[in-house]
Amino acid sequence: MPGSDPTDPRYSLANERTFLAYERTAVGLLVAAVGALNLLRDSWAETLLGVALLVAAALTAALGMRRYREADAAIREGRALPPSTAVPVVFTTVVVLVLLVGLSVVV
């Protein structure tokens, strides 16, 4: 039955927990961004770090919501869950930006 409630609520609850993990990560990145922008000295590298963390927080929140909706639709329609690309995208983006900022501070 397309669009019906799942027969086992554990799937929906697991999907909600995953969504909350994405949102918790986004809040952590947001706090790190606020700290970087307010507590570090005022140079372009620290500002770039804060902005990069803000972008990562927004990206994580948006991708988490997208993942939740896709997984919820798959669960309700009885399909296999779609593969997640959010984690590699966010992780790669954050690591590359932090490395670039770190290199710019050292050099």
Protein backbone atom coordinates (compact mmCIF):
# COMPACT_ATOMS: atom_id res chain seq x y z
CA MET A 1 0.00 0.00 0.00
CA PRO A 2 1.68 3.24 -1.11
CA GLY A 3 1.71 5.97 1.49
CA SER A 4 0.39 3.80 4.32
CA ASP A 5 1.62 3.75 7.88
CA PRO A 6 4.49 1.33 8.45
CA THR A 7 3.52 -1.95 10.07
CA ASP A 8 6.49 -1.73 12.42
CA PRO A 9 6.88 1.67 14.14
CA ARG A 10 10.55 0.98 14.88
CA TYR A 11 11.43 2.02 11.33
CA SER A 12 9.81 5.41 11.74
CA LEU A 13 11.36 5.89 15.16
CA ALA A 14 14.82 5.00 13.83
CA ASN A 15 14.33 7.48 11.00
CA GLU A 16 13.38 10.19 13.51
CA ARG A 17 16.47 9.42 15.62
CA THR A 18 18.66 9.74 12.54
CA PHE A 19 17.03 13.07 11.71
CA LEU A 20 17.65 14.30 15.25
CA ALA A 21 21.32 13.27 14.96
CA TYR A 22 21.64 15.44 11.83
CA GLU A 23 20.00 18.36 13.62
CA ARG A 24 22.14 17.89 16.74
CA THR A 25 25.24 17.97 14.53
CA ALA A 26 23.97 21.14 12.83
CA VAL A 27 23.50 22.81 16.23
CA GLY A 28 27.03 21.81 17.25
CA LEU A 29 28.45 23.29 14.05
CA LEU A 30 26.42 26.45 14.64
CA VAL A 31 27.82 26.80 18.15
CA ALA A 32 31.35 26.29 16.80
CA ALA A 33 30.70 28.97 14.18
CA VAL A 34 29.47 31.45 16.78
CA GLY A 35 32.52 30.69 18.91
CA ALA A 36 34.88 31.12 15.99
CA LEU A 37 33.31 34.40 14.96
CA ASN A 38 33.17 35.86 18.46
CA LEU A 39 36.12 34.43 20.36
CA LEU A 40 38.95 34.23 17.83
CA ARG A 41 40.96 37.26 16.81
CA ASP A 42 39.61 39.31 13.94
CA SER A 43 41.49 38.10 10.90
CA TRP A 44 40.17 36.97 7.56
CA ALA A 45 41.11 33.34 8.26
CA GLU A 46 39.12 33.13 11.49
CA THR A 47 36.18 34.88 9.83
CA LEU A 48 36.37 32.41 6.97
CA LEU A 49 36.41 29.55 9.46
CA GLY A 50 33.29 30.90 11.17
CA VAL A 51 31.47 31.37 7.88
CA ALA A 52 32.50 27.89 6.72
CA LEU A 53 31.11 26.41 9.92
CA LEU A 54 27.88 28.37 9.44
CA VAL A 55 27.54 27.00 5.91
CA ALA A 56 28.26 23.50 7.17
CA ALA A 57 25.56 23.87 9.85
CA ALA A 58 22.98 25.03 7.32
CA LEU A 59 23.97 22.28 4.88
CA THR A 60 23.76 19.62 7.58
CA ALA A 61 20.30 20.75 8.68
CA ALA A 62 18.98 20.88 5.11
CA LEU A 63 20.45 17.52 4.12
CA GLY A 64 19.14 15.94 7.31
CA MET A 65 15.61 17.09 6.51
CA ARG A 66 15.93 15.84 2.94
CA ARG A 67 17.20 12.47 4.16
CA TYR A 68 14.35 12.21 6.65
CA ARG A 69 11.71 12.88 4.00
CA GLU A 70 13.24 10.46 1.49
CA ALA A 71 13.54 7.69 4.08
CA ASP A 72 10.01 8.32 5.40
CA ALA A 73 8.57 8.04 1.89
CA ALA A 74 10.52 4.82 1.27
CA ILE A 75 9.38 3.33 4.58
CA ARG A 76 5.74 4.17 3.90
CA GLU A 77 5.89 2.77 0.35
CA GLY A 78 7.77 -0.37 1.36
CA ARG A 79 10.82 0.44 -0.78
CA ALA A 80 14.48 0.09 0.10
CA LEU A 81 15.99 3.13 1.76
CA PRO A 82 17.85 5.44 -0.63
CA PRO A 83 21.61 5.75 -0.18
CA SER A 84 22.78 8.74 1.83
CA THR A 85 25.15 11.22 0.23
CA ALA A 86 24.80 13.85 2.95
CA VAL A 87 27.49 12.58 5.29
CA PRO A 88 30.32 12.45 2.70
CA VAL A 89 29.33 15.85 1.26
CA VAL A 90 29.24 17.65 4.61
CA PHE A 91 32.31 15.87 5.99
CA THR A 92 34.39 16.58 2.89
CA THR A 93 33.28 20.21 2.77
CA VAL A 94 34.05 20.88 6.42
CA VAL A 95 37.39 19.08 6.41
CA VAL A 96 38.61 20.81 3.25
CA LEU A 97 37.56 24.26 4.44
CA VAL A 98 39.08 23.82 7.89
CA LEU A 99 42.33 22.55 6.35
CA LEU A 100 42.48 25.53 3.99
CA VAL A 101 41.86 27.97 6.82
CA GLY A 102 44.41 26.20 9.00
CA LEU A 103 47.01 26.37 6.26
CA SER A 104 46.31 30.04 5.70
CA VAL A 105 46.85 30.77 9.40
CA VAL A 106 50.14 28.85 9.51
CA VAL A 107 51.56 30.26 6.27
